[in-house]
Amino acid sequence: MGSILLLLVIAALVMTSLIDPNLYRGKVEAIVTDLAGRPLVIEGDLQITWYPWLGVQTGNAHLANLPGTLGPPIAEWGSVAVAAKLLPLLKGQVVVDRIRLQRPHIHLRRDAQGHVNWEDLGPRTPSSPQAQRIPPQVAGLEISDGMLEYVDEMTGLQLNLSSVDLDIGEWLAGQPLPVHARFLVHSASLPPGGVWVQMDAPEAAVQLAPLKVEVPKLSVRVADAQIKGDLACETLPGNGLFSHGSIALQVPSVRKLAHDLALDHTLPHDPTTLGPLELTTHWTYTDGALAAKPIALKLDGVTFDGWVERSAAAKSAWRFELHGDHIDLGRYVNVDSTKKKPFELPVEALRAVNANGSLVFDRAEIADSHLTDVRLKLQTPEVKQ
């Protein structure tokens, strides 16, 4: 046995030193191309290890778009390292070490017709029955210094995630896995420096074909805002998406959060307003339609309940109804504006919202007036009853 092990070590050293790994570049590209459904192009050199892990590490590489598709590659990266234990592999079992991906750059696009550049992403060749009987074991996925860009030509949304650090724990067939992520969000409406987001999901379950995700425990922090809840999503026929879940939101100070998100252009002058916020709701998303029902909200001592929904039409419309118990409107009348101009009702902006809804209070105060059953209604011309 000792002689056999010695021969294996010598053979591994000889193969590593004498065989050029780049001779296998075409094989590696073909395997990944078949698994991903997109052409893999390896630009940097390959490095191969033989024992005890049969591994491959690439330098710069990218996953190209389908032929005839314009735009940048769907994915590119600085380096990736993947390795599998040699002895279990000889027995037909795949035991993979942690996959390490450095500086990935993901480009996601949806055009004006609703087509996305990740359509048909996945294996082109069905797995063999033997491979299906013995699922692989993966020790985890580690992504560092990543970036994700999303451009939606239908809605005009452009979103960028930078400094992405992602850690996914050990993957065993049929078992949930922990997911931890931290990244910086950039968009036209956020501060130039972006906003940090941290996400923790200790028991995430993912099924790829068809896509199905279940996260029974989810924690997200955006600046000082803390969100806890759960979610589940799955694909619908025609590349649609159905998601649902619950949310419990806690914000220590809405005023400070508005400043962190560059939303503090016009705020009430009273510094005691827009303080702690608590919100709970259950939400659903079906192929563009969004609903949050019921909503329970508490802000500045005022308790609200109601609902909010958005249609999935080509020009989406918002509908809402919120009911509050008691409010002192005088606290919110006087405002501070960074524009140094008298406050004017943003009529054009409200029209652009395309909304129809009501805000109702059992009791309200303003100056020396005491009112009951106060109803504030918002209706834009585009929304039909």
Protein backbone atom coordinates (compact mmCIF):
# COMPACT_ATOMS: atom_id res chain seq x y z
CA MET A 1 0.00 0.00 0.00
CA GLY A 2 2.86 2.34 0.86
CA SER A 3 4.51 1.65 -2.49
CA ILE A 4 1.26 2.34 -4.34
CA LEU A 5 0.78 5.66 -2.51
CA LEU A 6 4.40 6.60 -3.27
CA LEU A 7 3.89 5.82 -6.95
CA LEU A 8 0.72 7.95 -6.97
CA VAL A 9 2.59 10.89 -5.44
CA ILE A 10 5.47 10.54 -7.92
CA ALA A 11 3.02 10.25 -10.82
CA ALA A 12 1.18 13.38 -9.64
CA LEU A 13 4.46 15.32 -9.41
CA VAL A 14 5.57 14.17 -12.86
CA MET A 15 2.19 14.98 -14.46
CA THR A 16 2.05 18.39 -12.80
CA SER A 17 5.56 19.34 -13.91
CA LEU A 18 5.63 17.83 -17.41
CA ILE A 19 2.05 18.20 -18.72
CA ASP A 20 0.90 21.61 -19.86
CA PRO A 21 -2.61 22.16 -18.36
CA ASN A 22 -3.48 24.50 -21.22
CA LEU A 23 -3.69 21.43 -23.47
CA TYR A 24 -7.00 20.77 -21.71
CA ARG A 25 -8.33 24.29 -22.29
CA GLY A 26 -10.70 23.12 -25.02
CA LYS A 27 -12.01 20.26 -22.86
CA VAL A 28 -12.70 22.55 -19.91
CA GLU A 29 -14.40 25.13 -22.13
CA ALA A 30 -16.58 22.43 -23.71
CA ILE A 31 -17.66 20.98 -20.34
CA VAL A 32 -18.62 24.37 -18.88
CA THR A 33 -20.29 25.43 -22.14
CA ASP A 34 -22.47 22.33 -21.99
CA LEU A 35 -23.33 22.88 -18.31
CA ALA A 36 -24.06 26.61 -18.60
CA GLY A 37 -25.57 26.74 -22.05
CA ARG A 38 -23.25 29.64 -22.91
CA PRO A 39 -19.81 29.57 -24.58
CA LEU A 40 -16.94 29.72 -22.07
CA VAL A 41 -13.82 31.58 -23.19
CA ILE A 42 -10.70 31.16 -21.02
CA GLU A 43 -8.26 34.00 -21.57
CA GLY A 44 -5.72 33.30 -18.81
CA ASP A 45 -3.59 30.22 -18.16
CA LEU A 46 -4.95 27.02 -16.63
CA GLN A 47 -3.49 25.44 -13.52
CA ILE A 48 -4.30 21.81 -12.64
CA THR A 49 -3.76 19.87 -9.40
CA TRP A 50 -3.88 16.07 -9.40
CA TYR A 51 -3.78 14.74 -5.82
CA PRO A 52 -5.54 14.53 -3.36
CA TRP A 53 -7.81 17.02 -5.14
CA LEU A 54 -8.29 16.91 -8.90
CA GLY A 55 -8.69 20.63 -9.48
CA VAL A 56 -8.57 23.34 -12.08
CA GLN A 57 -7.97 27.06 -11.69
CA THR A 58 -8.47 29.56 -14.49
CA GLY A 59 -7.27 33.10 -14.89
CA ASN A 60 -9.37 35.69 -16.68
CA ALA A 61 -12.38 34.13 -18.41
CA HIS A 62 -15.90 35.00 -19.46
CA LEU A 63 -19.19 33.35 -20.25
CA ALA A 64 -20.27 34.76 -23.60
CA ASN A 65 -23.78 35.54 -24.81
CA LEU A 66 -25.55 33.37 -27.32
CA PRO A 67 -24.56 33.99 -30.96
CA GLY A 68 -26.31 37.03 -32.38
CA THR A 69 -26.89 38.61 -28.95
CA LEU A 70 -25.47 42.10 -28.45
CA GLY A 71 -24.04 43.51 -25.26
CA PRO A 72 -21.31 42.49 -22.81
CA PRO A 73 -20.76 38.87 -21.73
CA ILE A 74 -23.32 37.62 -19.22
CA ALA A 75 -20.45 36.87 -16.81
CA GLU A 76 -16.70 37.44 -16.57
CA TRP A 77 -14.22 36.91 -13.74
CA GLY A 78 -10.61 37.26 -12.70
CA SER A 79 -10.08 33.69 -11.47
CA VAL A 80 -12.03 30.64 -10.37
CA ALA A 81 -10.80 27.52 -8.58
CA VAL A 82 -12.71 24.22 -8.49
CA ALA A 83 -11.44 20.90 -7.13
CA ALA A 84 -12.87 17.42 -6.50
CA LYS A 85 -11.44 14.65 -4.31
CA LEU A 86 -9.70 12.11 -6.51
CA LEU A 87 -10.43 8.83 -4.68
CA PRO A 88 -14.23 9.35 -4.35
CA LEU A 89 -14.24 10.42 -8.01
CA LEU A 90 -12.80 7.03 -8.97
CA LYS A 91 -15.82 5.46 -7.23
CA GLY A 92 -18.28 7.63 -9.14
CA GLN A 93 -18.95 10.08 -6.29
CA VAL A 94 -18.34 13.82 -6.73
CA VAL A 95 -17.01 15.55 -3.61
CA VAL A 96 -16.14 19.16 -4.46
CA ASP A 97 -14.03 21.51 -2.36
CA ARG A 98 -15.14 25.12 -1.85
CA ILE A 99 -15.49 26.91 -5.18
CA ARG A 100 -13.64 30.22 -5.04
CA LEU A 101 -14.53 32.96 -7.50
CA GLN A 102 -12.52 36.18 -7.64
CA ARG A 103 -13.78 39.48 -9.09
CA PRO A 104 -16.82 38.18 -11.00
CA HIS A 105 -18.76 40.72 -13.06
CA ILE A 106 -22.34 39.73 -13.94
CA HIS A 107 -24.33 41.60 -16.60
CA LEU A 108 -28.10 41.03 -16.57
CA ARG A 109 -30.30 42.65 -19.21
CA ARG A 110 -34.02 42.79 -20.05
CA ASP A 111 -34.92 44.44 -23.35
CA ALA A 112 -37.97 46.51 -24.22
CA GLN A 113 -39.84 43.37 -25.36
CA GLY A 114 -39.27 41.61 -22.02
CA HIS A 115 -36.59 39.17 -23.21
CA VAL A 116 -33.78 38.52 -20.73
CA ASN A 117 -30.20 37.50 -21.47
CA TRP A 118 -30.36 34.58 -19.03
CA GLU A 119 -33.06 32.75 -20.99
CA ASP A 120 -32.30 29.06 -21.49
CA LEU A 121 -29.33 29.27 -19.13
CA GLY A 122 -28.47 25.76 -18.01
CA PRO A 123 -27.23 22.34 -19.16
CA ARG A 124 -27.66 21.41 -22.82
CA THR A 125 -27.03 17.69 -22.27
CA PRO A 126 -29.26 15.76 -19.81
CA SER A 127 -27.45 14.23 -16.86
CA SER A 128 -26.85 10.52 -16.96
CA PRO A 129 -28.96 8.27 -14.70
CA GLN A 130 -25.84 7.41 -12.70
CA ALA A 131 -25.09 11.09 -12.08
CA GLN A 132 -28.68 11.60 -10.93
CA ARG A 133 -28.45 8.71 -8.46
CA ILE A 134 -25.28 10.06 -6.85
CA PRO A 135 -25.68 13.82 -6.35
CA PRO A 136 -22.52 15.86 -5.80
CA GLN A 137 -21.36 17.22 -2.47
CA VAL A 138 -20.03 20.77 -2.55
CA ALA A 139 -18.19 22.25 0.42
CA GLY A 140 -19.42 25.75 -0.45
CA LEU A 141 -19.09 28.77 -2.71
CA GLU A 142 -16.99 31.83 -1.95
CA ILE A 143 -17.25 34.99 -4.07
CA SER A 144 -15.12 38.03 -3.33
CA ASP A 145 -15.05 41.55 -4.80
CA GLY A 146 -17.87 40.84 -7.23
CA MET A 147 -20.14 43.13 -9.22
CA LEU A 148 -23.63 42.73 -10.65
CA GLU A 149 -25.24 45.10 -13.15
CA TYR A 150 -28.96 44.95 -14.01
CA VAL A 151 -30.50 47.04 -16.81
CA ASP A 152 -34.24 46.84 -17.48
CA GLU A 153 -35.25 48.63 -20.69
CA MET A 154 -38.94 48.01 -19.97
CA THR A 155 -38.97 50.00 -16.73
CA GLY A 156 -35.80 52.08 -17.15
CA LEU A 157 -34.34 50.60 -13.96
CA GLN A 158 -30.55 50.48 -13.70
CA LEU A 159 -29.08 48.82 -10.64
CA ASN A 160 -25.48 48.10 -9.71
CA LEU A 161 -24.16 45.94 -6.87
CA SER A 162 -20.45 46.35 -6.16
CA SER A 163 -17.97 44.98 -3.60
CA VAL A 164 -20.05 41.82 -3.48
CA ASP A 165 -18.88 39.24 -0.92
CA LEU A 166 -20.91 36.03 -0.92
CA ASP A 167 -20.44 32.93 1.22
CA ILE A 168 -22.61 29.85 0.67
CA GLY A 169 -22.09 26.92 3.01
CA GLU A 170 -21.85 23.21 2.32
CA TRP A 171 -24.31 21.90 -0.24
CA LEU A 172 -25.70 18.41 0.36
CA ALA A 173 -28.54 17.05 -1.77
CA GLY A 174 -31.89 17.77 -0.17
CA GLN A 175 -30.40 19.80 2.68
CA PRO A 176 -30.71 23.57 3.30
CA LEU A 177 -27.54 25.62 3.18
CA PRO A 178 -26.47 28.90 4.84
CA VAL A 179 -26.09 32.02 2.69
CA HIS A 180 -24.37 35.24 3.79
CA ALA A 181 -23.84 38.27 1.55
CA ARG A 182 -22.70 41.88 1.79
CA PHE A 183 -22.66 44.42 -1.05
CA LEU A 184 -22.93 48.08 -1.98
CA VAL A 185 -26.02 49.18 -3.94
CA HIS A 186 -25.86 51.99 -6.52
CA SER A 187 -28.74 53.53 -8.46
CA ALA A 188 -29.77 56.94 -9.79
CA SER A 189 -31.93 57.63 -6.72
CA LEU A 190 -29.31 56.70 -4.10
CA PRO A 191 -26.35 58.73 -2.78
CA PRO A 192 -23.24 58.71 -5.03
CA GLY A 193 -21.41 56.51 -2.53
CA GLY A 194 -24.18 53.89 -2.56
CA VAL A 195 -25.84 52.10 0.34
CA TRP A 196 -24.51 49.01 2.12
CA VAL A 197 -26.74 45.95 2.34
CA GLN A 198 -26.14 42.81 4.39
CA MET A 199 -28.16 39.61 4.04
CA ASP A 200 -28.19 36.41 6.11
CA ALA A 201 -30.23 33.29 5.31
CA PRO A 202 -29.13 30.39 7.55
CA GLU A 203 -31.43 27.78 5.95
CA ALA A 204 -31.91 28.44 2.23
CA ALA A 205 -33.15 25.68 -0.07
CA VAL A 206 -32.57 26.01 -3.82
CA GLN A 207 -33.80 23.87 -6.70
CA LEU A 208 -32.48 24.80 -10.14
CA ALA A 209 -34.66 22.91 -12.61
CA PRO A 210 -37.29 24.22 -12.42
CA LEU A 211 -36.19 27.14 -10.27
CA LYS A 212 -37.59 27.02 -6.75
CA VAL A 213 -36.20 28.89 -3.74
CA GLU A 214 -37.34 28.66 -0.12
CA VAL A 215 -35.87 30.83 2.64
CA PRO A 216 -37.70 30.22 5.94
CA LYS A 217 -35.50 32.68 7.83
CA LEU A 218 -34.19 35.85 6.23
CA SER A 219 -32.47 38.88 7.74
CA VAL A 220 -31.58 41.96 5.70
CA ARG A 221 -29.98 45.19 6.89
CA VAL A 222 -30.15 48.32 4.71
CA ALA A 223 -28.25 51.18 6.37
CA ASP A 224 -29.91 51.25 9.85
CA ALA A 225 -33.11 49.50 8.75
CA GLN A 226 -33.53 45.87 9.83
CA ILE A 227 -35.81 43.51 7.88
CA LYS A 228 -36.69 40.01 9.06
CA GLY A 229 -39.01 37.53 7.42
CA ASP A 230 -39.19 34.68 4.93
CA LEU A 231 -39.68 34.17 1.22
CA ALA A 232 -40.34 31.56 -1.42
CA CYS A 233 -40.25 31.88 -5.20
CA GLU A 234 -40.61 29.70 -8.27
CA THR A 235 -40.69 30.14 -12.02
CA LEU A 236 -43.93 30.20 -13.96
CA PRO A 237 -44.52 29.05 -17.56
CA GLY A 238 -43.13 31.63 -19.98
CA ASN A 239 -40.25 32.79 -17.71
CA GLY A 240 -42.65 34.40 -15.22
CA LEU A 241 -41.92 34.51 -11.50
CA PHE A 242 -44.13 33.95 -8.46
CA SER A 243 -42.87 34.95 -5.01
CA HIS A 244 -44.39 35.40 -1.59
CA GLY A 245 -43.26 35.95 1.97
CA SER A 246 -43.58 37.99 5.14
CA ILE A 247 -41.75 41.08 6.36
CA ALA A 248 -41.12 42.60 9.78
CA LEU A 249 -39.40 45.98 9.35
CA GLN A 250 -37.83 48.05 12.12
CA VAL A 251 -36.28 51.47 11.51
CA PRO A 252 -34.76 53.34 14.51
CA SER A 253 -35.24 56.69 12.76
CA VAL A 254 -37.01 57.29 9.44
CA ARG A 255 -35.47 60.75 9.35
CA LYS A 256 -31.91 59.37 9.55
CA LEU A 257 -32.71 56.63 7.03
CA ALA A 258 -34.05 59.25 4.60
CA HIS A 259 -30.76 61.10 4.94
CA ASP A 260 -28.74 57.91 4.36
CA LEU A 261 -30.78 57.18 1.22
CA ALA A 262 -30.59 60.78 -0.06
CA LEU A 263 -34.35 61.25 0.42
CA ASP A 264 -34.12 64.19 2.85
CA HIS A 265 -34.71 67.06 0.38
CA THR A 266 -38.00 68.00 2.07
CA LEU A 267 -38.78 66.91 5.65
CA PRO A 268 -41.09 68.17 8.41
CA HIS A 269 -39.49 70.92 10.50
CA ASP A 270 -40.53 69.24 13.76
CA PRO A 271 -37.49 67.10 14.73
CA THR A 272 -39.71 64.69 16.70
CA THR A 273 -41.48 63.54 13.52
CA LEU A 274 -40.38 60.62 11.35
CA GLY A 275 -38.95 58.72 14.29
CA PRO A 276 -39.06 54.95 14.90
CA LEU A 277 -41.02 52.85 12.41
CA GLU A 278 -42.43 49.35 12.77
CA LEU A 279 -44.13 47.52 9.90
CA THR A 280 -45.35 43.97 9.32
CA THR A 281 -47.00 42.56 6.21
CA HIS A 282 -47.37 39.56 3.95
CA TRP A 283 -46.51 40.13 0.30
CA THR A 284 -46.94 38.40 -3.05
CA TYR A 285 -45.36 39.02 -6.45
CA THR A 286 -46.76 37.41 -9.60
CA ASP A 287 -45.11 38.25 -12.91
CA GLY A 288 -44.97 42.01 -12.28
CA ALA A 289 -47.99 42.36 -9.96
CA LEU A 290 -47.12 43.21 -6.36
CA ALA A 291 -49.39 43.19 -3.29
CA ALA A 292 -48.84 43.73 0.44
CA LYS A 293 -51.89 42.61 2.43
CA PRO A 294 -52.53 43.20 5.27
CA ILE A 295 -50.21 45.96 6.47
CA ALA A 296 -49.74 46.89 10.13
CA LEU A 297 -47.66 50.03 10.64
CA LYS A 298 -46.72 52.29 13.53
CA LEU A 299 -44.97 55.65 13.06
CA ASP A 300 -44.69 58.59 15.48
CA GLY A 301 -47.25 56.99 17.75
CA VAL A 302 -49.83 56.62 14.96
CA THR A 303 -51.09 53.11 14.23
CA PHE A 304 -52.09 52.21 10.67
CA ASP A 305 -53.59 49.17 8.99
CA GLY A 306 -54.49 48.56 5.36
CA TRP A 307 -53.07 47.30 2.08
CA VAL A 308 -51.04 48.31 -1.00
CA GLU A 309 -50.95 46.72 -4.45
CA ARG A 310 -49.50 47.37 -7.92
CA SER A 311 -50.88 45.99 -11.15
CA ALA A 312 -48.81 44.14 -13.75
CA ALA A 313 -50.09 46.14 -16.71
CA ALA A 314 -47.74 47.70 -19.27
CA LYS A 315 -48.08 50.96 -17.33
CA SER A 316 -48.41 49.70 -13.78
CA ALA A 317 -50.82 51.43 -11.39
CA TRP A 318 -50.73 51.60 -7.59
CA ARG A 319 -53.78 51.23 -5.35
CA PHE A 320 -53.77 51.55 -1.58
CA GLU A 321 -55.88 52.12 1.49
CA LEU A 322 -54.43 52.97 4.91
CA HIS A 323 -56.42 53.62 8.07
CA GLY A 324 -54.88 55.48 11.02
CA ASP A 325 -56.24 56.05 14.52
CA HIS A 326 -55.15 59.60 15.47
CA ILE A 327 -52.70 62.13 14.03
CA ASP A 328 -51.61 65.70 14.70
CA LEU A 329 -51.26 67.04 11.15
CA GLY A 330 -49.77 70.27 12.43
CA ARG A 331 -46.51 68.45 13.18
CA TYR A 332 -46.06 67.75 9.46
CA VAL A 333 -47.22 71.02 7.85
CA ASN A 334 -44.08 73.11 8.34
CA VAL A 335 -41.22 71.63 6.33
CA ASP A 336 -37.52 72.23 5.77
CA SER A 337 -36.45 72.09 2.14
CA THR A 338 -32.91 71.95 0.79
CA LYS A 339 -34.20 73.76 -2.31
CA LYS A 340 -34.64 76.97 -0.23
CA LYS A 341 -38.04 77.59 -1.82
CA PRO A 342 -41.57 77.59 -0.35
CA PHE A 343 -43.04 74.12 -0.30
CA GLU A 344 -45.38 73.35 -3.19
CA LEU A 345 -47.43 70.25 -3.68
CA PRO A 346 -45.54 68.13 -6.29
CA VAL A 347 -48.50 67.79 -8.62
CA GLU A 348 -46.54 66.53 -11.64
CA ALA A 349 -44.69 63.97 -9.55
CA LEU A 350 -47.96 62.72 -8.05
CA ARG A 351 -49.46 62.38 -11.52
CA ALA A 352 -46.46 60.33 -12.63
CA VAL A 353 -47.02 57.89 -9.75
CA ASN A 354 -50.23 56.61 -11.43
CA ALA A 355 -51.98 55.81 -8.18
CA ASN A 356 -55.41 55.64 -6.64
CA GLY A 357 -55.86 55.37 -2.90
CA SER A 358 -57.17 56.68 0.38
CA LEU A 359 -55.64 57.65 3.71
CA VAL A 360 -58.24 57.71 6.49
CA PHE A 361 -57.92 58.89 10.12
CA ASP A 362 -60.43 58.39 12.90
CA ARG A 363 -59.32 61.67 14.47
CA ALA A 364 -56.98 64.44 13.32
CA GLU A 365 -55.77 67.75 14.66
CA ILE A 366 -54.44 70.78 12.83
CA ALA A 367 -53.88 74.13 14.57
CA ASP A 368 -56.87 74.46 16.93
CA SER A 369 -59.17 72.32 14.83
CA HIS A 370 -60.25 68.83 15.88
CA LEU A 371 -61.57 66.64 13.09
CA THR A 372 -63.11 63.17 12.90
CA ASP A 373 -63.30 60.70 10.04
CA VAL A 374 -60.72 62.56 7.90
CA ARG A 375 -60.26 61.13 4.39
CA LEU A 376 -57.40 62.09 2.08
CA LYS A 377 -57.80 60.70 -1.43
CA LEU A 378 -55.20 60.45 -4.21
CA GLN A 379 -56.36 59.74 -7.74
CA THR A 380 -54.40 60.35 -10.94
CA PRO A 381 -56.10 60.52 -14.35
CA GLU A 382 -54.44 57.34 -15.66
CA VAL A 383 -56.00 55.15 -12.95
CA LYS A 384 -59.56 54.00 -13.60
CA GLN A 385 -61.97 53.16 -10.81
